[in-house]
């Protein structure tokens, strides 16, 4: 499947993705991309955010690929249990970048821990988790555990921080290549 053949749903994390973030840049470049709408990007509530994701899925008309960053990855994982068969049939894959460790008591702000514990059931669709060895919000081992639990392909992003604009990943062309390769393996 090519990027142009799928409905791309961006699932940002805490505070949303700013204009220089790779998610925002990709969304502008991809004709079929749009963003999940959340009522409050500064005070995430797991029930509201998972409902926001499901509402975004319901707007899809065909093959859907979720592209999540940070807390958005936990939103995807938490929302699966709330999805019906129709929602799940639309999702062809999930591309998750830098999921935070929502079980770490040192995570700040603390209310992000309400998104934990992270589900340990395999996703019912193909997925990839990309994590950096020095992400300040999740140890590499915990990210690997999440990927393993979710049945995701785990991609080592080496030492690249949280893979956002602060770590120098505005356009992030390497990530776009990984997404394109992942999508080539998905059925339309």
N, C-alpha and C. Protein backbone atom coordinates (compact mmCIF):
# COMPACT_ATOMS: atom_id res chain seq x y z
N UNK A 1 0.85 -1.17 0.00
CA UNK A 1 0.00 0.00 0.00
C UNK A 1 0.89 1.24 0.00
N UNK A 2 0.54 2.21 -0.81
CA UNK A 2 1.25 3.47 -0.85
C UNK A 2 0.59 4.45 0.12
N UNK A 3 1.36 5.44 0.55
CA UNK A 3 0.81 6.45 1.46
C UNK A 3 -0.42 7.09 0.85
N UNK A 4 -0.40 7.35 -0.44
CA UNK A 4 -1.54 8.01 -1.10
C UNK A 4 -2.79 7.12 -1.16
N UNK A 5 -2.65 5.84 -0.89
CA UNK A 5 -3.79 4.92 -0.93
C UNK A 5 -4.47 4.76 0.42
N UNK A 6 -3.94 5.41 1.43
CA UNK A 6 -4.47 5.22 2.79
C UNK A 6 -4.93 6.54 3.38
N UNK A 7 -5.86 6.42 4.29
CA UNK A 7 -6.27 7.54 5.12
C UNK A 7 -5.26 7.55 6.27
N UNK A 8 -4.46 8.59 6.37
CA UNK A 8 -3.44 8.69 7.43
C UNK A 8 -4.01 9.52 8.56
N UNK A 9 -4.10 8.93 9.73
CA UNK A 9 -4.62 9.64 10.90
C UNK A 9 -3.49 9.90 11.88
N UNK A 10 -3.10 11.17 12.02
CA UNK A 10 -2.05 11.57 12.96
C UNK A 10 -2.63 11.57 14.37
N UNK A 11 -1.91 10.94 15.28
CA UNK A 11 -2.34 10.86 16.68
C UNK A 11 -1.24 11.49 17.54
N UNK A 12 -1.29 12.81 17.73
CA UNK A 12 -0.26 13.48 18.52
C UNK A 12 -0.34 13.13 20.00
N UNK A 13 0.70 13.50 20.71
CA UNK A 13 0.75 13.29 22.15
C UNK A 13 0.41 14.55 22.93
N UNK A 14 0.83 14.54 24.16
CA UNK A 14 0.60 15.64 25.10
C UNK A 14 1.04 16.97 24.49
N UNK A 15 0.23 17.97 24.53
CA UNK A 15 0.38 19.33 24.01
C UNK A 15 0.22 19.43 22.50
N UNK A 16 -0.09 18.34 21.81
CA UNK A 16 -0.26 18.34 20.36
C UNK A 16 1.11 18.46 19.70
N UNK A 17 1.18 18.38 18.41
CA UNK A 17 2.43 18.53 17.67
C UNK A 17 2.44 19.92 17.05
N UNK A 18 3.47 20.70 17.37
CA UNK A 18 3.58 22.05 16.85
C UNK A 18 3.88 22.08 15.36
N UNK A 19 3.93 23.27 14.77
CA UNK A 19 4.10 23.40 13.32
C UNK A 19 5.43 22.86 12.79
N UNK A 20 6.45 22.78 13.64
CA UNK A 20 7.75 22.28 13.20
C UNK A 20 7.94 20.78 13.47
N UNK A 21 6.99 20.17 14.13
CA UNK A 21 7.05 18.74 14.45
C UNK A 21 6.88 17.93 13.17
N UNK A 22 7.55 16.79 13.10
CA UNK A 22 7.45 15.94 11.90
C UNK A 22 6.01 15.56 11.59
N UNK A 23 5.17 15.32 12.62
CA UNK A 23 3.77 14.96 12.35
C UNK A 23 3.06 16.08 11.59
N UNK A 24 3.27 17.31 12.01
CA UNK A 24 2.62 18.45 11.35
C UNK A 24 3.15 18.62 9.93
N UNK A 25 4.43 18.46 9.75
CA UNK A 25 5.02 18.58 8.42
C UNK A 25 4.51 17.48 7.49
N UNK A 26 4.47 16.25 8.00
CA UNK A 26 3.97 15.14 7.18
C UNK A 26 2.50 15.35 6.82
N UNK A 27 1.73 15.83 7.80
CA UNK A 27 0.30 16.05 7.57
C UNK A 27 0.09 17.04 6.41
N UNK A 28 0.93 18.06 6.35
CA UNK A 28 0.83 19.04 5.25
C UNK A 28 1.24 18.42 3.92
N UNK A 29 2.21 17.50 3.94
CA UNK A 29 2.71 16.89 2.70
C UNK A 29 1.79 15.81 2.15
N UNK A 30 1.09 15.13 3.02
CA UNK A 30 0.27 13.99 2.61
C UNK A 30 -1.17 14.43 2.38
N UNK A 31 -1.63 14.24 1.18
CA UNK A 31 -2.98 14.68 0.81
C UNK A 31 -4.07 13.94 1.59
N UNK A 32 -3.78 12.74 2.03
CA UNK A 32 -4.81 11.93 2.71
C UNK A 32 -4.67 11.98 4.23
N UNK A 33 -3.81 12.85 4.75
CA UNK A 33 -3.57 12.90 6.19
C UNK A 33 -4.46 13.92 6.88
N UNK A 34 -4.83 13.59 8.10
CA UNK A 34 -5.56 14.51 8.98
C UNK A 34 -5.19 14.16 10.41
N UNK A 35 -5.59 15.00 11.32
CA UNK A 35 -5.19 14.87 12.71
C UNK A 35 -6.39 14.53 13.60
N UNK A 36 -6.15 13.71 14.61
CA UNK A 36 -7.17 13.45 15.63
C UNK A 36 -7.46 14.77 16.34
N UNK A 37 -8.72 14.97 16.64
CA UNK A 37 -9.12 16.18 17.38
C UNK A 37 -9.30 15.82 18.85
N UNK A 38 -8.67 16.58 19.71
CA UNK A 38 -8.85 16.41 21.16
C UNK A 38 -9.35 17.73 21.73
N UNK A 39 -10.23 17.67 22.72
CA UNK A 39 -10.77 18.90 23.31
C UNK A 39 -9.74 19.65 24.14
N UNK A 40 -8.85 18.94 24.79
CA UNK A 40 -7.87 19.59 25.66
C UNK A 40 -6.52 18.90 25.50
N UNK A 41 -5.60 19.56 24.80
CA UNK A 41 -4.27 19.01 24.55
C UNK A 41 -3.36 19.14 25.78
N UNK A 42 -3.74 19.97 26.76
CA UNK A 42 -2.87 20.20 27.92
C UNK A 42 -3.26 19.38 29.14
N UNK A 43 -4.48 18.86 29.18
CA UNK A 43 -4.93 18.03 30.29
C UNK A 43 -5.56 16.76 29.74
N UNK A 44 -4.71 15.85 29.25
CA UNK A 44 -5.25 14.63 28.64
C UNK A 44 -5.96 13.73 29.65
N UNK A 45 -7.11 13.25 29.24
CA UNK A 45 -7.89 12.29 30.03
C UNK A 45 -8.05 11.06 29.14
N UNK A 46 -7.64 9.92 29.63
CA UNK A 46 -7.57 8.71 28.80
C UNK A 46 -8.90 8.41 28.11
N UNK A 47 -10.02 8.52 28.82
CA UNK A 47 -11.32 8.21 28.22
C UNK A 47 -11.63 9.19 27.09
N UNK A 48 -11.37 10.48 27.31
CA UNK A 48 -11.65 11.49 26.29
C UNK A 48 -10.75 11.31 25.08
N UNK A 49 -9.48 11.03 25.33
CA UNK A 49 -8.54 10.91 24.21
C UNK A 49 -8.78 9.64 23.40
N UNK A 50 -9.14 8.56 24.06
CA UNK A 50 -9.44 7.34 23.29
C UNK A 50 -10.74 7.54 22.50
N UNK A 51 -11.72 8.23 23.10
CA UNK A 51 -12.95 8.55 22.36
C UNK A 51 -12.64 9.46 21.17
N UNK A 52 -11.71 10.40 21.33
CA UNK A 52 -11.32 11.27 20.23
C UNK A 52 -10.70 10.48 19.09
N UNK A 53 -9.87 9.50 19.43
CA UNK A 53 -9.28 8.65 18.41
C UNK A 53 -10.36 7.85 17.68
N UNK A 54 -11.27 7.27 18.43
CA UNK A 54 -12.34 6.48 17.82
C UNK A 54 -13.21 7.35 16.92
N UNK A 55 -13.48 8.58 17.33
CA UNK A 55 -14.24 9.50 16.47
C UNK A 55 -13.49 9.77 15.17
N UNK A 56 -12.16 9.89 15.25
CA UNK A 56 -11.36 10.08 14.05
C UNK A 56 -11.40 8.86 13.14
N UNK A 57 -11.40 7.69 13.75
CA UNK A 57 -11.49 6.45 12.97
C UNK A 57 -12.85 6.38 12.26
N UNK A 58 -13.91 6.80 12.95
CA UNK A 58 -15.25 6.74 12.37
C UNK A 58 -15.39 7.66 11.16
N UNK A 59 -14.55 8.68 11.05
CA UNK A 59 -14.58 9.58 9.89
C UNK A 59 -13.87 8.98 8.68
N UNK A 60 -13.20 7.87 8.87
CA UNK A 60 -12.45 7.25 7.78
C UNK A 60 -13.38 6.55 6.81
N UNK A 61 -12.97 6.56 5.57
CA UNK A 61 -13.79 5.96 4.51
C UNK A 61 -13.19 4.68 3.96
N UNK A 62 -11.97 4.37 4.34
CA UNK A 62 -11.33 3.17 3.80
C UNK A 62 -10.13 2.78 4.62
N UNK A 63 -9.11 2.30 3.94
CA UNK A 63 -7.89 1.83 4.61
C UNK A 63 -7.27 2.95 5.43
N UNK A 64 -7.02 2.66 6.69
CA UNK A 64 -6.54 3.67 7.64
C UNK A 64 -5.22 3.23 8.26
N UNK A 65 -4.28 4.16 8.35
CA UNK A 65 -3.02 3.92 9.05
C UNK A 65 -2.89 5.00 10.13
N UNK A 66 -2.67 4.56 11.35
CA UNK A 66 -2.49 5.47 12.47
C UNK A 66 -1.01 5.82 12.59
N UNK A 67 -0.70 7.10 12.71
CA UNK A 67 0.68 7.58 12.88
C UNK A 67 0.71 8.34 14.20
N UNK A 68 1.22 7.68 15.24
CA UNK A 68 1.17 8.22 16.59
C UNK A 68 2.54 8.61 17.11
N UNK A 69 2.57 9.69 17.89
CA UNK A 69 3.80 10.10 18.56
C UNK A 69 3.54 10.23 20.05
N UNK A 70 4.50 9.80 20.83
CA UNK A 70 4.51 9.96 22.28
C UNK A 70 3.23 9.42 22.91
N UNK A 71 2.52 10.25 23.67
CA UNK A 71 1.31 9.79 24.35
C UNK A 71 0.27 9.28 23.36
N UNK A 72 0.34 9.75 22.11
CA UNK A 72 -0.55 9.24 21.08
C UNK A 72 -0.43 7.73 20.90
N UNK A 73 0.77 7.19 21.10
CA UNK A 73 0.96 5.74 21.02
C UNK A 73 0.22 5.02 22.11
N UNK A 74 0.22 5.60 23.31
CA UNK A 74 -0.54 5.00 24.41
C UNK A 74 -2.04 5.12 24.17
N UNK A 75 -2.45 6.20 23.51
CA UNK A 75 -3.86 6.37 23.17
C UNK A 75 -4.30 5.24 22.24
N UNK A 76 -3.49 4.95 21.24
CA UNK A 76 -3.80 3.85 20.32
C UNK A 76 -3.93 2.55 21.11
N UNK A 77 -2.95 2.26 21.95
CA UNK A 77 -2.96 1.00 22.72
C UNK A 77 -4.18 0.90 23.63
N UNK A 78 -4.54 2.00 24.29
CA UNK A 78 -5.68 1.99 25.20
C UNK A 78 -7.01 1.92 24.46
N UNK A 79 -7.08 2.54 23.27
CA UNK A 79 -8.35 2.61 22.54
C UNK A 79 -8.76 1.27 21.93
N UNK A 80 -7.82 0.40 21.66
CA UNK A 80 -8.14 -0.86 20.99
C UNK A 80 -9.24 -1.63 21.72
N UNK A 81 -9.18 -1.66 23.03
CA UNK A 81 -10.18 -2.40 23.81
C UNK A 81 -11.59 -1.80 23.66
N UNK A 82 -11.66 -0.53 23.29
CA UNK A 82 -12.96 0.15 23.15
C UNK A 82 -13.49 0.10 21.72
N UNK A 83 -12.68 -0.36 20.79
CA UNK A 83 -13.08 -0.35 19.37
C UNK A 83 -13.97 -1.54 19.04
N UNK A 84 -14.90 -1.29 18.12
CA UNK A 84 -15.74 -2.40 17.65
C UNK A 84 -15.11 -3.03 16.41
N UNK A 85 -15.71 -4.06 15.90
CA UNK A 85 -15.16 -4.79 14.76
C UNK A 85 -15.02 -3.90 13.52
N UNK A 86 -15.96 -2.99 13.33
CA UNK A 86 -15.88 -2.08 12.18
C UNK A 86 -14.66 -1.17 12.28
N UNK A 87 -14.45 -0.59 13.46
CA UNK A 87 -13.26 0.27 13.66
C UNK A 87 -11.99 -0.52 13.34
N UNK A 88 -11.89 -1.70 13.91
CA UNK A 88 -10.69 -2.51 13.73
C UNK A 88 -10.49 -2.92 12.28
N UNK A 89 -11.59 -3.13 11.55
CA UNK A 89 -11.47 -3.54 10.14
C UNK A 89 -10.91 -2.41 9.27
N UNK A 90 -11.10 -1.17 9.68
CA UNK A 90 -10.59 -0.03 8.92
C UNK A 90 -9.09 0.15 9.08
N UNK A 91 -8.56 -0.22 10.26
CA UNK A 91 -7.15 0.03 10.56
C UNK A 91 -6.28 -1.04 9.92
N UNK A 92 -5.41 -0.61 9.05
CA UNK A 92 -4.48 -1.53 8.37
C UNK A 92 -3.14 -1.61 9.08
N UNK A 93 -2.81 -0.59 9.90
CA UNK A 93 -1.55 -0.62 10.62
C UNK A 93 -1.38 0.61 11.51
N UNK A 94 -0.42 0.51 12.43
CA UNK A 94 -0.11 1.62 13.33
C UNK A 94 1.40 1.83 13.35
N UNK A 95 1.79 3.08 13.22
CA UNK A 95 3.19 3.52 13.22
C UNK A 95 3.34 4.37 14.47
N UNK A 96 4.02 3.83 15.48
CA UNK A 96 4.10 4.47 16.80
C UNK A 96 5.53 4.88 17.08
N UNK A 97 5.71 6.16 17.40
CA UNK A 97 7.04 6.73 17.63
C UNK A 97 7.14 7.25 19.07
N UNK A 98 8.17 6.82 19.76
CA UNK A 98 8.50 7.32 21.11
C UNK A 98 7.37 7.22 22.12
N UNK A 99 6.78 6.03 22.31
CA UNK A 99 5.74 5.94 23.33
C UNK A 99 6.35 6.15 24.72
N UNK A 100 5.71 6.93 25.58
CA UNK A 100 6.26 7.17 26.91
C UNK A 100 5.95 6.00 27.85
N UNK A 101 6.76 5.91 28.89
CA UNK A 101 6.54 4.89 29.93
C UNK A 101 5.53 5.44 30.92
N UNK A 102 4.26 5.12 30.71
CA UNK A 102 3.19 5.65 31.56
C UNK A 102 3.08 4.91 32.90
N UNK A 103 4.01 4.00 33.15
CA UNK A 103 4.06 3.31 34.44
C UNK A 103 5.20 3.82 35.30
N UNK A 104 6.00 4.74 34.79
CA UNK A 104 7.15 5.28 35.50
C UNK A 104 6.69 6.38 36.45
N UNK A 105 6.84 6.21 37.77
CA UNK A 105 6.39 7.22 38.72
C UNK A 105 7.13 8.56 38.57
N UNK A 106 8.25 8.58 37.84
CA UNK A 106 8.98 9.81 37.61
C UNK A 106 8.48 10.59 36.41
N UNK A 107 7.50 10.06 35.68
CA UNK A 107 6.98 10.73 34.49
C UNK A 107 6.30 12.04 34.87
N UNK A 108 6.59 13.07 34.13
CA UNK A 108 5.97 14.38 34.36
C UNK A 108 5.36 14.88 33.07
N UNK A 109 4.22 15.56 33.14
CA UNK A 109 3.40 15.74 34.33
C UNK A 109 2.79 14.42 34.78
N UNK A 110 2.55 14.33 36.07
CA UNK A 110 2.12 13.07 36.69
C UNK A 110 0.80 12.53 36.12
N UNK A 111 -0.09 13.43 35.68
CA UNK A 111 -1.40 12.93 35.21
C UNK A 111 -1.28 12.09 33.94
N UNK A 112 -0.11 12.09 33.29
CA UNK A 112 0.08 11.22 32.13
C UNK A 112 0.09 9.74 32.54
N UNK A 113 0.38 9.50 33.82
CA UNK A 113 0.38 8.12 34.31
C UNK A 113 -1.03 7.51 34.30
N UNK A 114 -2.06 8.34 34.17
CA UNK A 114 -3.42 7.80 34.10
C UNK A 114 -3.64 7.01 32.81
N UNK A 115 -2.70 7.11 31.87
CA UNK A 115 -2.77 6.32 30.64
C UNK A 115 -2.15 4.94 30.82
N UNK A 116 -1.69 4.66 32.02
CA UNK A 116 -1.11 3.36 32.31
C UNK A 116 -2.05 2.56 33.21
N UNK A 117 -1.73 1.31 33.43
CA UNK A 117 -0.61 0.63 32.78
C UNK A 117 -0.91 0.42 31.30
N UNK A 118 0.16 0.32 30.53
CA UNK A 118 -0.07 0.12 29.10
C UNK A 118 -0.56 -1.31 28.86
N UNK A 119 -1.50 -1.48 27.92
CA UNK A 119 -2.02 -2.81 27.62
C UNK A 119 -0.92 -3.73 27.13
N UNK A 120 -1.03 -4.99 27.47
CA UNK A 120 -0.01 -5.96 27.07
C UNK A 120 -0.56 -7.01 26.09
N UNK A 121 -1.70 -6.69 25.50
CA UNK A 121 -2.27 -7.60 24.49
C UNK A 121 -1.75 -7.21 23.12
N UNK A 122 -1.52 -8.20 22.25
CA UNK A 122 -1.07 -7.88 20.89
C UNK A 122 -2.12 -7.06 20.13
N UNK A 123 -1.66 -6.13 19.34
CA UNK A 123 -2.55 -5.35 18.49
C UNK A 123 -3.17 -6.27 17.44
N UNK A 124 -4.41 -6.02 17.05
CA UNK A 124 -5.06 -6.85 16.04
C UNK A 124 -4.75 -6.42 14.60
N UNK A 125 -3.69 -5.65 14.43
CA UNK A 125 -3.25 -5.18 13.11
C UNK A 125 -1.73 -4.99 13.17
N UNK A 126 -1.06 -4.98 12.03
CA UNK A 126 0.40 -4.80 12.03
C UNK A 126 0.79 -3.44 12.62
N UNK A 127 1.94 -3.43 13.27
CA UNK A 127 2.40 -2.17 13.86
C UNK A 127 3.92 -2.16 13.96
N UNK A 128 4.43 -0.94 14.09
CA UNK A 128 5.85 -0.73 14.29
C UNK A 128 5.99 0.27 15.43
N UNK A 129 6.96 0.03 16.29
CA UNK A 129 7.29 0.97 17.37
C UNK A 129 8.73 1.42 17.14
N UNK A 130 8.92 2.73 17.08
CA UNK A 130 10.26 3.30 16.92
C UNK A 130 10.61 4.01 18.21
N UNK A 131 11.77 3.68 18.76
CA UNK A 131 12.18 4.31 20.01
C UNK A 131 13.67 4.59 20.00
N UNK A 132 14.03 5.64 20.69
CA UNK A 132 15.41 6.06 20.81
C UNK A 132 16.03 5.47 22.08
N UNK A 133 17.31 5.25 22.04
CA UNK A 133 18.01 4.70 23.21
C UNK A 133 18.13 5.71 24.35
N UNK A 134 17.93 7.00 24.05
CA UNK A 134 18.05 8.01 25.10
C UNK A 134 16.81 8.89 25.18
N UNK A 135 15.65 8.29 24.96
CA UNK A 135 14.38 9.03 25.09
C UNK A 135 14.19 9.37 26.57
N UNK A 136 14.03 10.66 26.92
CA UNK A 136 13.88 11.02 28.33
C UNK A 136 12.56 10.55 28.95
N UNK A 137 11.61 10.12 28.11
CA UNK A 137 10.30 9.73 28.63
C UNK A 137 10.07 8.22 28.67
N UNK A 138 11.07 7.46 28.22
CA UNK A 138 10.92 6.00 28.24
C UNK A 138 12.28 5.34 28.02
N UNK A 139 12.62 4.39 28.87
CA UNK A 139 13.86 3.65 28.66
C UNK A 139 13.71 2.77 27.43
N UNK A 140 14.82 2.48 26.81
CA UNK A 140 14.82 1.66 25.60
C UNK A 140 14.27 0.26 25.90
N UNK A 141 14.61 -0.28 27.06
CA UNK A 141 14.12 -1.61 27.44
C UNK A 141 12.59 -1.64 27.59
N UNK A 142 12.03 -0.60 28.21
CA UNK A 142 10.58 -0.55 28.38
C UNK A 142 9.90 -0.40 27.02
N UNK A 143 10.47 0.44 26.15
CA UNK A 143 9.91 0.58 24.79
C UNK A 143 9.93 -0.76 24.06
N UNK A 144 11.01 -1.50 24.22
CA UNK A 144 11.10 -2.83 23.62
C UNK A 144 10.06 -3.78 24.19
N UNK A 145 9.80 -3.67 25.49
CA UNK A 145 8.77 -4.50 26.12
C UNK A 145 7.39 -4.18 25.56
N UNK A 146 7.12 -2.87 25.37
CA UNK A 146 5.84 -2.48 24.78
C UNK A 146 5.70 -3.07 23.38
N UNK A 147 6.72 -2.89 22.57
CA UNK A 147 6.69 -3.40 21.19
C UNK A 147 6.47 -4.91 21.19
N UNK A 148 7.15 -5.61 22.07
CA UNK A 148 7.00 -7.06 22.15
C UNK A 148 5.58 -7.45 22.56
N UNK A 149 5.05 -6.78 23.58
CA UNK A 149 3.69 -7.08 24.05
C UNK A 149 2.67 -6.81 22.96
N UNK A 150 2.87 -5.74 22.21
CA UNK A 150 1.90 -5.34 21.18
C UNK A 150 2.10 -6.11 19.87
N UNK A 151 3.14 -6.95 19.79
CA UNK A 151 3.42 -7.69 18.56
C UNK A 151 3.95 -6.80 17.46
N UNK A 152 4.59 -5.71 17.86
CA UNK A 152 5.08 -4.72 16.90
C UNK A 152 6.52 -4.99 16.48
N UNK A 153 6.84 -4.62 15.27
CA UNK A 153 8.23 -4.57 14.84
C UNK A 153 8.88 -3.45 15.64
N UNK A 154 10.03 -3.70 16.24
CA UNK A 154 10.70 -2.70 17.08
C UNK A 154 11.90 -2.15 16.31
N UNK A 155 11.91 -0.83 16.14
CA UNK A 155 12.98 -0.16 15.39
C UNK A 155 13.80 0.69 16.35
N UNK A 156 15.10 0.45 16.36
CA UNK A 156 16.05 1.18 17.20
C UNK A 156 16.43 2.48 16.49
N UNK A 157 16.04 3.61 17.07
CA UNK A 157 16.35 4.92 16.49
C UNK A 157 17.66 5.47 17.04
N UNK A 158 18.44 4.63 17.66
CA UNK A 158 19.74 5.01 18.25
C UNK A 158 19.55 6.10 19.29
N UNK A 159 20.47 7.04 19.36
CA UNK A 159 20.39 8.11 20.38
C UNK A 159 19.83 9.37 19.73
N UNK A 160 18.51 9.46 19.71
CA UNK A 160 17.82 10.58 19.06
C UNK A 160 16.75 11.21 19.92
N UNK A 161 16.90 11.12 21.24
CA UNK A 161 15.96 11.78 22.14
C UNK A 161 14.54 11.31 21.95
N UNK A 162 13.61 12.26 22.05
CA UNK A 162 12.18 11.94 21.98
C UNK A 162 11.64 11.98 20.54
N UNK A 163 12.52 12.12 19.59
CA UNK A 163 12.18 12.15 18.17
C UNK A 163 11.06 13.17 17.91
N UNK A 164 11.37 14.40 18.24
CA UNK A 164 10.45 15.51 18.02
C UNK A 164 11.26 16.72 17.57
N UNK A 165 10.63 17.87 17.45
CA UNK A 165 11.35 19.04 16.98
C UNK A 165 12.46 19.48 17.93
N UNK A 166 12.29 19.23 19.23
CA UNK A 166 13.33 19.61 20.20
C UNK A 166 14.60 18.79 20.01
N UNK A 167 14.46 17.56 19.54
CA UNK A 167 15.63 16.72 19.32
C UNK A 167 16.14 16.83 17.88
N UNK A 168 15.62 17.82 17.14
CA UNK A 168 16.10 18.06 15.78
C UNK A 168 15.38 17.25 14.72
N UNK A 169 14.19 16.75 15.03
CA UNK A 169 13.44 15.93 14.08
C UNK A 169 12.22 16.68 13.56
N UNK A 170 12.46 17.81 12.91
CA UNK A 170 11.38 18.55 12.28
C UNK A 170 10.85 17.78 11.09
N UNK A 171 11.57 17.79 9.96
CA UNK A 171 11.07 17.06 8.80
C UNK A 171 11.18 15.54 8.95
N UNK A 172 12.20 15.03 9.56
CA UNK A 172 12.47 13.62 9.82
C UNK A 172 12.28 12.73 8.58
N UNK A 173 13.11 12.93 7.56
CA UNK A 173 12.99 12.12 6.33
C UNK A 173 13.26 10.63 6.56
N UNK A 174 14.14 10.29 7.50
CA UNK A 174 14.40 8.86 7.78
C UNK A 174 13.13 8.18 8.28
N UNK A 175 12.39 8.85 9.12
CA UNK A 175 11.13 8.29 9.62
C UNK A 175 10.12 8.10 8.52
N UNK A 176 10.07 9.04 7.60
CA UNK A 176 9.14 8.94 6.47
C UNK A 176 9.48 7.73 5.60
N UNK A 177 10.77 7.44 5.46
CA UNK A 177 11.18 6.24 4.70
C UNK A 177 10.74 4.97 5.43
N UNK A 178 10.88 4.96 6.76
CA UNK A 178 10.45 3.79 7.53
C UNK A 178 8.93 3.61 7.39
N UNK A 179 8.18 4.72 7.45
CA UNK A 179 6.73 4.63 7.28
C UNK A 179 6.38 4.08 5.89
N UNK A 180 7.04 4.58 4.85
CA UNK A 180 6.76 4.11 3.49
C UNK A 180 7.06 2.63 3.35
N UNK A 181 8.17 2.17 3.92
CA UNK A 181 8.52 0.74 3.86
C UNK A 181 7.51 -0.11 4.64
N UNK A 182 7.08 0.39 5.80
CA UNK A 182 6.08 -0.32 6.60
C UNK A 182 4.78 -0.45 5.80
N UNK A 183 4.39 0.65 5.16
CA UNK A 183 3.11 0.65 4.44
C UNK A 183 3.15 -0.25 3.19
N UNK A 184 4.31 -0.42 2.60
CA UNK A 184 4.43 -1.30 1.44
C UNK A 184 4.03 -2.74 1.79
N UNK A 185 4.20 -3.09 3.06
CA UNK A 185 3.91 -4.45 3.50
C UNK A 185 2.45 -4.63 3.93
N UNK A 186 1.69 -3.54 3.96
CA UNK A 186 0.29 -3.62 4.40
C UNK A 186 -0.63 -3.89 3.22
N UNK A 187 -1.68 -4.63 3.48
CA UNK A 187 -2.69 -4.89 2.45
C UNK A 187 -3.63 -3.70 2.36
N UNK A 188 -3.99 -3.35 1.15
CA UNK A 188 -4.92 -2.21 0.94
C UNK A 188 -6.33 -2.61 1.33
